[in-house]
Amino acid sequence: MRPKAALGSHYSIPHWAKKSALEDILKIDLSGLNDDKIYYELDKIHKNKISIENHLFNQTFWKRPESYKFINYDLTTSYFVGYNCDLSAFGKGKIECHGRRQVLLGVLINSEGYPFKWDVFPGTPLR
């Protein structure tokens, strides 16, 4: 899969990351971040998904356990421009995206808005 968001686009992950608090939170330098570096790391993120989710949960739960009295589950569809994604399927999503393949995204969020678990599901249930 090779997304084609323009580097200056507000859909660009490097653009978003540089505007976020990630540098402060993670104590890393994002000045050299670009799409190619992110794509390269996606396999590592996938292989370490459970560890990352556990870390996110532990970081938020132990600081504010009351934020887990109510948990939100958000489910949405997303389309993309790319090739060779076995999870994608043509279907009807929340927005009209004729001729675009889609995936279904799910995320668990605590009551303070911090995500701690996610999944990508095949296709779309909205047909």
C-alpha atoms as a PDB file:
ATOM      1  CA  MET A   1       0.000   0.000   0.000  1.00  0.00           C
ATOM      2  CA  ARG A   2       1.413   3.388  -0.917  1.00  0.00           C
ATOM      3  CA  PRO A   3      -0.755   6.366   0.150  1.00  0.00           C
ATOM      4  CA  LYS A   4      -0.255   9.541  -1.838  1.00  0.00           C
ATOM      5  CA  ALA A   5      -0.923  12.414   0.576  1.00  0.00           C
ATOM      6  CA  ALA A   6       1.052  15.467  -0.468  1.00  0.00           C
ATOM      7  CA  LEU A   7       3.761  16.380   2.032  1.00  0.00           C
ATOM      8  CA  GLY A   8       2.242  19.808   2.649  1.00  0.00           C
ATOM      9  CA  SER A   9      -1.277  18.413   2.863  1.00  0.00           C
ATOM     10  CA  HIS A  10      -3.147  18.459   6.161  1.00  0.00           C
ATOM     11  CA  TYR A  11      -3.621  14.717   5.520  1.00  0.00           C
ATOM     12  CA  SER A  12       0.141  14.194   5.701  1.00  0.00           C
ATOM     13  CA  ILE A  13       1.221  12.328   8.851  1.00  0.00           C
ATOM     14  CA  PRO A  14       4.562  14.194   9.091  1.00  0.00           C
ATOM     15  CA  HIS A  15       2.684  17.507   8.856  1.00  0.00           C
ATOM     16  CA  TRP A  16       0.277  16.409  11.603  1.00  0.00           C
ATOM     17  CA  ALA A  17       3.030  14.970  13.828  1.00  0.00           C
ATOM     18  CA  LYS A  18       5.052  18.187  13.722  1.00  0.00           C
ATOM     19  CA  LYS A  19       1.991  20.149  14.904  1.00  0.00           C
ATOM     20  CA  SER A  20       1.256  17.661  17.699  1.00  0.00           C
ATOM     21  CA  ALA A  21       2.831  17.240  21.134  1.00  0.00           C
ATOM     22  CA  LEU A  22       4.629  14.033  20.095  1.00  0.00           C
ATOM     23  CA  GLU A  23       8.109  15.563  20.283  1.00  0.00           C
ATOM     24  CA  ASP A  24       7.535  16.655  23.870  1.00  0.00           C
ATOM     25  CA  ILE A  25       5.773  13.469  24.959  1.00  0.00           C
ATOM     26  CA  LEU A  26       8.178  11.020  23.315  1.00  0.00           C
ATOM     27  CA  LYS A  27      11.309  13.169  23.704  1.00  0.00           C
ATOM     28  CA  ILE A  28      12.213  12.696  20.037  1.00  0.00           C
ATOM     29  CA  ASP A  29      13.182  14.989  17.175  1.00  0.00           C
ATOM     30  CA  LEU A  30      10.655  14.954  14.335  1.00  0.00           C
ATOM     31  CA  SER A  31      12.467  17.448  12.112  1.00  0.00           C
ATOM     32  CA  GLY A  32      13.575  14.676   9.715  1.00  0.00           C
ATOM     33  CA  LEU A  33      10.228  12.884   9.684  1.00  0.00           C
ATOM     34  CA  ASN A  34       8.821  12.165   6.229  1.00  0.00           C
ATOM     35  CA  ASP A  35       6.336   9.784   4.610  1.00  0.00           C
ATOM     36  CA  ASP A  36       9.024   7.266   3.601  1.00  0.00           C
ATOM     37  CA  LYS A  37      10.255   6.933   7.193  1.00  0.00           C
ATOM     38  CA  ILE A  38       6.712   6.348   8.407  1.00  0.00           C
ATOM     39  CA  TYR A  39       5.986   3.731   5.735  1.00  0.00           C
ATOM     40  CA  TYR A  40       9.244   1.982   6.654  1.00  0.00           C
ATOM     41  CA  GLU A  41       8.198   1.793  10.311  1.00  0.00           C
ATOM     42  CA  LEU A  42       4.655   0.483   9.717  1.00  0.00           C
ATOM     43  CA  ASP A  43       5.814  -3.145   9.819  1.00  0.00           C
ATOM     44  CA  LYS A  44       7.523  -2.523  13.167  1.00  0.00           C
ATOM     45  CA  ILE A  45       4.384  -0.873  14.518  1.00  0.00           C
ATOM     46  CA  HIS A  46       2.276  -3.808  13.346  1.00  0.00           C
ATOM     47  CA  LYS A  47       4.648  -6.383  14.865  1.00  0.00           C
ATOM     48  CA  ASN A  48       4.621  -4.515  18.187  1.00  0.00           C
ATOM     49  CA  LYS A  49       0.924  -3.587  18.200  1.00  0.00           C
ATOM     50  CA  ILE A  50       0.059  -5.417  21.431  1.00  0.00           C
ATOM     51  CA  SER A  51       3.080  -3.991  23.269  1.00  0.00           C
ATOM     52  CA  ILE A  52       2.243  -0.484  22.043  1.00  0.00           C
ATOM     53  CA  GLU A  53      -1.403  -0.852  23.089  1.00  0.00           C
ATOM     54  CA  ASN A  54      -0.376  -2.167  26.519  1.00  0.00           C
ATOM     55  CA  HIS A  55       2.027   0.745  26.930  1.00  0.00           C
ATOM     56  CA  LEU A  56      -0.648   3.286  25.962  1.00  0.00           C
ATOM     57  CA  PHE A  57      -3.122   1.701  28.368  1.00  0.00           C
ATOM     58  CA  ASN A  58      -0.629   1.551  31.240  1.00  0.00           C
ATOM     59  CA  GLN A  59       0.527   5.131  30.721  1.00  0.00           C
ATOM     60  CA  THR A  60      -3.025   6.452  30.917  1.00  0.00           C
ATOM     61  CA  PHE A  61      -4.654   4.003  33.345  1.00  0.00           C
ATOM     62  CA  TRP A  62      -2.103   4.274  36.133  1.00  0.00           C
ATOM     63  CA  LYS A  63      -2.128   8.072  35.985  1.00  0.00           C
ATOM     64  CA  ARG A  64      -5.932   8.388  35.918  1.00  0.00           C
ATOM     65  CA  PRO A  65      -7.786   5.108  36.520  1.00  0.00           C
ATOM     66  CA  GLU A  66     -11.083   7.001  36.761  1.00  0.00           C
ATOM     67  CA  SER A  67     -10.736   7.821  33.049  1.00  0.00           C
ATOM     68  CA  TYR A  68     -11.564   4.156  32.346  1.00  0.00           C
ATOM     69  CA  LYS A  69     -14.968   4.125  34.045  1.00  0.00           C
ATOM     70  CA  PHE A  70     -16.427   4.983  30.641  1.00  0.00           C
ATOM     71  CA  ILE A  71     -14.832   3.757  27.399  1.00  0.00           C
ATOM     72  CA  ASN A  72     -15.804   4.856  23.889  1.00  0.00           C
ATOM     73  CA  TYR A  73     -15.575   2.588  20.867  1.00  0.00           C
ATOM     74  CA  ASP A  74     -15.418   4.494  17.607  1.00  0.00           C
ATOM     75  CA  LEU A  75     -15.945   2.650  14.356  1.00  0.00           C
ATOM     76  CA  THR A  76     -15.578   4.324  10.981  1.00  0.00           C
ATOM     77  CA  THR A  77     -14.618   3.661   7.398  1.00  0.00           C
ATOM     78  CA  SER A  78     -11.703   5.179   5.567  1.00  0.00           C
ATOM     79  CA  TYR A  79     -10.854   5.145   1.900  1.00  0.00           C
ATOM     80  CA  PHE A  80      -7.384   5.361   0.467  1.00  0.00           C
ATOM     81  CA  VAL A  81      -5.491   5.485  -2.764  1.00  0.00           C
ATOM     82  CA  GLY A  82      -3.159   2.520  -2.884  1.00  0.00           C
ATOM     83  CA  TYR A  83      -2.561  -0.979  -4.127  1.00  0.00           C
ATOM     84  CA  ASN A  84      -2.148  -4.477  -2.724  1.00  0.00           C
ATOM     85  CA  CYS A  85      -4.153  -4.104   0.485  1.00  0.00           C
ATOM     86  CA  ASP A  86      -5.920  -7.389   1.194  1.00  0.00           C
ATOM     87  CA  LEU A  87      -8.099  -5.773   3.866  1.00  0.00           C
ATOM     88  CA  SER A  88      -9.651  -3.247   1.506  1.00  0.00           C
ATOM     89  CA  ALA A  89     -12.931  -3.705  -0.311  1.00  0.00           C
ATOM     90  CA  PHE A  90     -15.261  -1.644  -2.424  1.00  0.00           C
ATOM     91  CA  GLY A  91     -18.346  -0.564  -0.527  1.00  0.00           C
ATOM     92  CA  LYS A  92     -20.354   2.353   0.766  1.00  0.00           C
ATOM     93  CA  GLY A  93     -18.802   4.342   3.591  1.00  0.00           C
ATOM     94  CA  LYS A  94     -19.884   7.352   5.629  1.00  0.00           C
ATOM     95  CA  ILE A  95     -18.810   9.653   2.822  1.00  0.00           C
ATOM     96  CA  GLU A  96     -19.278   9.054  -0.869  1.00  0.00           C
ATOM     97  CA  CYS A  97     -16.074   7.633  -2.292  1.00  0.00           C
ATOM     98  CA  HIS A  98     -17.082   6.079  -5.576  1.00  0.00           C
ATOM     99  CA  GLY A  99     -14.452   3.767  -6.999  1.00  0.00           C
ATOM    100  CA  ARG A 100     -12.312   3.787  -3.837  1.00  0.00           C
ATOM    101  CA  ARG A 101     -11.360   0.803  -1.735  1.00  0.00           C
ATOM    102  CA  GLN A 102     -12.107   1.098   1.958  1.00  0.00           C
ATOM    103  CA  VAL A 103     -11.196  -0.413   5.302  1.00  0.00           C
ATOM    104  CA  LEU A 104     -13.053  -0.357   8.599  1.00  0.00           C
ATOM    105  CA  LEU A 105     -11.239   1.251  11.535  1.00  0.00           C
ATOM    106  CA  GLY A 106     -12.037   0.703  15.213  1.00  0.00           C
ATOM    107  CA  VAL A 107     -10.479   2.469  18.195  1.00  0.00           C
ATOM    108  CA  LEU A 108     -11.030   2.285  21.972  1.00  0.00           C
ATOM    109  CA  ILE A 109     -10.762   5.660  23.727  1.00  0.00           C
ATOM    110  CA  ASN A 110     -10.927   6.443  27.438  1.00  0.00           C
ATOM    111  CA  SER A 111     -13.215   9.165  28.792  1.00  0.00           C
ATOM    112  CA  GLU A 112     -10.436  11.757  28.479  1.00  0.00           C
ATOM    113  CA  GLY A 113     -10.023  11.072  24.767  1.00  0.00           C
ATOM    114  CA  TYR A 114      -6.838   8.996  24.865  1.00  0.00           C
ATOM    115  CA  PRO A 115      -6.823   6.066  22.413  1.00  0.00           C
ATOM    116  CA  PHE A 116      -5.362   2.842  23.772  1.00  0.00           C
ATOM    117  CA  LYS A 117      -6.389   0.070  21.377  1.00  0.00           C
ATOM    118  CA  TRP A 118      -7.145  -0.053  17.664  1.00  0.00           C
ATOM    119  CA  ASP A 119      -7.934  -2.491  14.887  1.00  0.00           C
ATOM    120  CA  VAL A 120      -8.287  -2.395  11.122  1.00  0.00           C
ATOM    121  CA  PHE A 121     -10.966  -4.687   9.740  1.00  0.00           C
ATOM    122  CA  PRO A 122     -11.600  -5.914   6.198  1.00  0.00           C
ATOM    123  CA  GLY A 123     -13.848  -3.934   3.901  1.00  0.00           C
ATOM    124  CA  THR A 124     -16.894  -2.058   5.067  1.00  0.00           C
ATOM    125  CA  PRO A 125     -20.218  -3.167   6.549  1.00  0.00           C
ATOM    126  CA  LEU A 126     -22.113  -0.310   4.901  1.00  0.00           C
ATOM    127  CA  ARG A 127     -23.128  -1.810   1.571  1.00  0.00           C
END
